[in-house]
N, C-alpha and C. Protein backbone atom coordinates (compact mmCIF):
# COMPACT_ATOMS: atom_id res chain seq x y z
N MET A 1 -0.25 4.74 16.61
CA MET A 1 -0.81 4.94 15.71
C MET A 1 -1.78 4.03 14.89
N GLU A 2 -2.69 3.64 14.16
CA GLU A 2 -2.97 2.53 13.34
C GLU A 2 -2.64 3.18 12.04
N THR A 3 -1.92 1.80 11.10
CA THR A 3 -1.43 2.38 10.20
C THR A 3 -2.82 2.31 8.91
N ARG A 4 -2.44 3.16 7.83
CA ARG A 4 -3.72 3.04 6.77
C ARG A 4 -3.99 1.49 6.33
N ILE A 5 -2.27 1.00 5.93
CA ILE A 5 -2.32 -0.38 5.50
C ILE A 5 -3.21 -1.06 6.50
N LYS A 6 -2.99 -1.10 7.60
CA LYS A 6 -3.68 -2.27 8.59
C LYS A 6 -5.11 -1.63 8.36
N SER A 7 -5.63 -0.89 8.50
CA SER A 7 -6.94 -0.25 8.39
C SER A 7 -7.87 -0.89 7.05
N LEU A 8 -6.87 -0.56 5.64
CA LEU A 8 -7.31 -0.83 4.52
C LEU A 8 -7.36 -2.74 4.39
N ARG A 9 -6.51 -3.09 4.96
CA ARG A 9 -6.66 -4.71 5.16
C ARG A 9 -7.74 -5.21 5.86
N GLU A 10 -8.23 -5.03 7.20
CA GLU A 10 -9.01 -5.27 8.11
C GLU A 10 -10.38 -4.73 6.98
N ASP A 11 -10.29 -3.79 6.63
CA ASP A 11 -11.71 -3.11 5.74
C ASP A 11 -11.80 -4.19 4.83
N ASN A 12 -10.80 -4.74 4.25
CA ASN A 12 -11.19 -5.51 2.93
C ASN A 12 -11.10 -6.93 3.75
N ASP A 13 -11.10 -7.42 4.88
CA ASP A 13 -11.24 -8.63 5.18
C ASP A 13 -10.03 -9.59 4.94
N LEU A 14 -8.73 -9.15 4.76
CA LEU A 14 -7.62 -9.73 4.36
C LEU A 14 -6.68 -9.94 5.94
N THR A 15 -5.98 -11.05 5.32
CA THR A 15 -5.33 -11.25 6.20
C THR A 15 -3.69 -10.77 5.82
N GLN A 16 -2.83 -10.47 6.83
CA GLN A 16 -1.35 -10.19 6.58
C GLN A 16 -0.97 -11.34 6.00
N LYS A 17 -1.05 -12.39 5.97
CA LYS A 17 -0.56 -13.61 5.06
C LYS A 17 -0.98 -13.38 3.60
N GLN A 18 -2.26 -12.98 3.36
CA GLN A 18 -2.83 -12.62 1.81
C GLN A 18 -1.98 -11.53 1.31
N LEU A 19 -1.73 -10.57 2.20
CA LEU A 19 -0.93 -9.59 1.85
C LEU A 19 0.60 -9.98 1.39
N GLY A 20 0.99 -10.42 2.47
CA GLY A 20 2.27 -10.73 2.10
C GLY A 20 2.69 -11.85 0.63
N GLU A 21 1.76 -12.81 0.68
CA GLU A 21 1.82 -13.44 -0.78
C GLU A 21 1.66 -12.51 -1.70
N TYR A 22 0.61 -11.69 -1.63
CA TYR A 22 0.64 -10.53 -2.76
C TYR A 22 1.88 -9.94 -3.20
N LEU A 23 2.49 -9.67 -2.35
CA LEU A 23 3.83 -8.12 -1.90
C LEU A 23 4.64 -9.47 -2.38
N ASN A 24 4.86 -10.81 -2.13
CA ASN A 24 5.87 -11.80 -2.24
C ASN A 24 6.75 -11.44 -0.78
N ILE A 25 6.32 -11.38 0.20
CA ILE A 25 6.85 -11.29 1.14
C ILE A 25 6.23 -12.05 2.43
N SER A 26 7.06 -12.20 3.73
CA SER A 26 6.51 -13.27 4.47
C SER A 26 5.57 -12.08 5.12
N GLN A 27 4.48 -13.19 6.15
CA GLN A 27 3.77 -12.43 6.87
C GLN A 27 4.37 -11.55 8.28
N VAL A 28 5.15 -12.14 8.43
CA VAL A 28 6.21 -11.43 9.77
C VAL A 28 6.68 -9.98 8.97
N ALA A 29 7.04 -10.23 7.83
CA ALA A 29 7.58 -8.49 7.25
C ALA A 29 6.74 -7.66 6.91
N TYR A 30 5.62 -8.02 6.61
CA TYR A 30 4.12 -7.44 6.66
C TYR A 30 3.50 -6.90 8.18
N SER A 31 3.87 -7.76 8.56
CA SER A 31 3.21 -7.26 10.27
C SER A 31 4.44 -6.23 10.51
N TYR A 32 5.35 -5.88 10.16
CA TYR A 32 6.29 -5.12 10.67
C TYR A 32 6.28 -3.75 10.11
N TYR A 33 5.44 -4.02 8.94
CA TYR A 33 5.20 -2.70 7.88
C TYR A 33 3.94 -1.84 8.78
N GLU A 34 3.07 -2.98 8.98
CA GLU A 34 1.92 -2.56 9.69
C GLU A 34 2.26 -1.69 11.49
N LEU A 35 2.99 -2.36 11.81
CA LEU A 35 3.27 -1.94 13.01
C LEU A 35 4.53 -0.97 13.16
N ASN A 36 4.87 -0.24 11.79
CA ASN A 36 6.13 0.50 11.45
C ASN A 36 7.19 0.19 12.24
N ARG A 37 7.66 -0.90 12.67
CA ARG A 37 8.86 -1.84 13.42
C ARG A 37 10.02 -1.45 11.59
N ARG A 38 9.34 -1.25 10.30
CA ARG A 38 9.95 -1.22 9.31
C ARG A 38 9.51 -0.01 8.30
N ASN A 39 10.32 0.47 7.71
CA ASN A 39 9.80 1.57 6.39
C ASN A 39 9.26 0.22 5.59
N ILE A 40 8.08 0.75 4.84
CA ILE A 40 7.87 -0.04 3.61
C ILE A 40 8.49 0.68 2.14
N PRO A 41 9.24 -0.16 1.18
CA PRO A 41 9.83 0.34 0.60
C PRO A 41 8.97 0.76 -0.95
N ILE A 42 9.83 1.89 -1.38
CA ILE A 42 8.16 2.68 -2.31
C ILE A 42 7.99 1.48 -3.12
N GLU A 43 8.53 0.48 -3.74
CA GLU A 43 7.68 -0.78 -4.50
C GLU A 43 6.74 -1.11 -3.84
N LEU A 44 6.94 -1.52 -2.80
CA LEU A 44 5.58 -2.41 -2.02
C LEU A 44 4.47 -1.24 -1.79
N LEU A 45 5.03 -0.28 -1.22
CA LEU A 45 3.69 1.27 -1.08
C LEU A 45 3.29 1.35 -2.52
N SER A 46 3.96 1.14 -3.57
CA SER A 46 3.18 1.52 -4.96
C SER A 46 2.03 0.24 -5.42
N GLN A 47 2.88 -0.76 -4.95
CA GLN A 47 2.23 -1.91 -4.92
C GLN A 47 0.70 -2.19 -4.31
N LEU A 48 0.72 -1.45 -2.98
CA LEU A 48 -0.30 -1.41 -2.57
C LEU A 48 -1.45 -0.35 -2.46
N ALA A 49 -0.87 0.43 -3.14
CA ALA A 49 -1.92 1.69 -3.55
C ALA A 49 -2.64 1.42 -4.82
N ASP A 50 -1.96 0.49 -5.80
CA ASP A 50 -2.68 -0.37 -6.75
C ASP A 50 -3.31 -0.86 -6.29
N PHE A 51 -3.37 -1.99 -5.48
CA PHE A 51 -3.99 -3.01 -4.94
C PHE A 51 -5.52 -2.66 -4.22
N TYR A 52 -5.07 -1.59 -3.74
CA TYR A 52 -6.44 -0.66 -2.64
C TYR A 52 -6.88 0.67 -3.87
N HIS A 53 -6.39 0.60 -5.01
CA HIS A 53 -6.94 1.39 -6.07
C HIS A 53 -6.86 3.11 -5.13
N THR A 54 -5.65 3.36 -4.52
CA THR A 54 -5.84 4.49 -4.11
C THR A 54 -4.31 4.78 -4.17
N SER A 55 -4.00 6.22 -3.45
CA SER A 55 -2.48 6.67 -3.95
C SER A 55 -1.41 6.37 -2.69
N VAL A 56 -0.04 6.55 -3.23
CA VAL A 56 0.69 6.05 -2.10
C VAL A 56 0.48 7.33 -1.07
N ASP A 57 0.35 8.51 -1.43
CA ASP A 57 -0.13 9.83 -0.73
C ASP A 57 -0.97 9.52 0.83
N TYR A 58 -2.03 8.84 0.02
CA TYR A 58 -3.29 8.34 1.09
C TYR A 58 -2.13 7.58 2.10
N LEU A 59 -1.75 6.56 1.52
CA LEU A 59 -1.06 5.50 2.70
C LEU A 59 -0.31 6.10 3.45
N ILE A 60 0.39 6.88 3.35
CA ILE A 60 1.56 7.65 4.04
C ILE A 60 0.74 8.89 4.74
N TYR A 61 -0.56 9.17 5.07
CA TYR A 61 -1.07 9.96 5.56
C TYR A 61 -0.68 11.39 4.72
N ARG A 62 -0.38 11.89 3.45
CA ARG A 62 -0.14 13.09 3.21
C ARG A 62 -1.43 13.47 2.53
N THR A 63 -2.49 12.65 2.16
CA THR A 63 -4.02 13.25 2.35
C THR A 63 -4.97 12.38 2.61
N ASN A 64 -6.01 12.52 2.78
CA ASN A 64 -7.19 12.00 3.38
C ASN A 64 -8.00 11.63 1.81
N GLU A 65 -7.77 11.94 0.96
CA GLU A 65 -8.44 11.56 -0.47
C GLU A 65 -8.19 10.31 -0.75
N LYS A 66 -8.91 9.36 -0.56
CA LYS A 66 -8.63 7.66 -1.25
C LYS A 66 -8.55 7.71 -2.90
N THR A 67 -9.08 8.65 -3.49
CA THR A 67 -9.07 8.37 -4.88
C THR A 67 -7.64 8.71 -5.37
N PRO A 68 -7.55 7.51 -6.48
CA PRO A 68 -6.17 7.61 -6.75
C PRO A 68 -6.16 8.48 -7.93
N TYR A 69 -4.84 9.14 -8.15
CA TYR A 69 -4.35 10.13 -9.39
C TYR A 69 -4.87 9.32 -10.45
N PRO A 70 -4.73 10.10 -11.50
CA PRO A 70 -4.92 9.94 -12.91
C PRO A 70 -3.79 9.15 -13.65
N ARG A 71 -3.78 7.87 -14.03
CA ARG A 71 -2.50 7.54 -14.09
C ARG A 71 -2.04 8.26 -15.76
N ILE A 72 -0.48 8.02 -15.95
CA ILE A 72 -0.12 8.61 -17.19
C ILE A 72 0.27 7.19 -17.97
N SER A 73 0.26 7.65 -19.32
CA SER A 73 0.30 6.81 -20.10
C SER A 73 1.65 6.09 -20.24
N LYS A 74 1.85 5.30 -20.82
CA LYS A 74 3.41 4.88 -20.90
C LYS A 74 4.29 6.01 -22.17
N LYS A 75 3.31 6.29 -23.20
CA LYS A 75 3.98 7.24 -23.85
C LYS A 75 4.49 8.39 -23.44
N GLN A 76 3.22 8.98 -22.46
CA GLN A 76 3.49 9.94 -21.85
C GLN A 76 4.65 10.02 -21.29
N TYR A 77 4.92 8.68 -20.51
CA TYR A 77 6.12 9.13 -19.53
C TYR A 77 7.31 8.54 -20.11
N LYS A 78 7.57 8.23 -21.58
CA LYS A 78 8.64 8.11 -22.14
C LYS A 78 9.59 9.55 -22.35
N LYS A 79 8.56 10.78 -22.45
CA LYS A 79 8.82 11.94 -22.71
C LYS A 79 9.80 12.40 -21.61
């Protein structure tokens, strides 16, 4: 099964190397995530969701809705 991160990368005409550089990981490590050979750490999933303006749930097939969730402000987060 093709991963959403691969589909999004290809839809945006990006290379694995470019995404690896953005995430500060190697191209090989990124390719393992696309191939489901390794689980993606939540921090990287969050970065990818921000990069593609979507949600982590969309990236991991918990929803088909691409629209990201509304952001909470730092003030709300501290409560």
